[in-house]
Amino acid sequence: MFLCMTERNRPWRAGAAVRENARRLRRELTVAERALWYHLRGGRLDGFHFRRQHPLGPFVVDFYCAARGLVIEVDGDTHADREDYDAARTLWLQEHVGCRVVRFTNDDVRKNLEAVVEAIRTHLRQPPP
């Protein structure tokens, strides 16, 4: 999945508008994203490198670990009515990029950050999809 090198074989390559949106989102992290980013940045979590607000195809994912093909999403209240959209997005990321997508709510991160970090650690122990 990560072996395709030609442009037409990389449907996850993001366009200019998506990349610009990712830059904006990096400047505007939510409180929960900022708290989780503290634990993910700089290889702090078992040496794994994460990118924040990373563009993949038409989407910007909250956190991405390329070494494990792992996408971490932190969903706020706005995702309550977007279950179908989130499911379609997850399916696209799985099929086109080969990622595993793990979702947490803002409340999960704010109220039980240690459990969220431990859950991510468990997913990192699994080989890439």
Foldseek 3Di string as FASTA:
>chain_A
DVPDDDPVLQLFDADPVLVVVLVVCVVVDDPLLVLLCVCADPCNQVRFHKDAQPGTRHGTFGIAGPQQLETEHEAEPVCPPVPVVVVVVQVCSCVRVVHHYDYDYSCCSVPPVVVVSVVVSVSSVDHHD
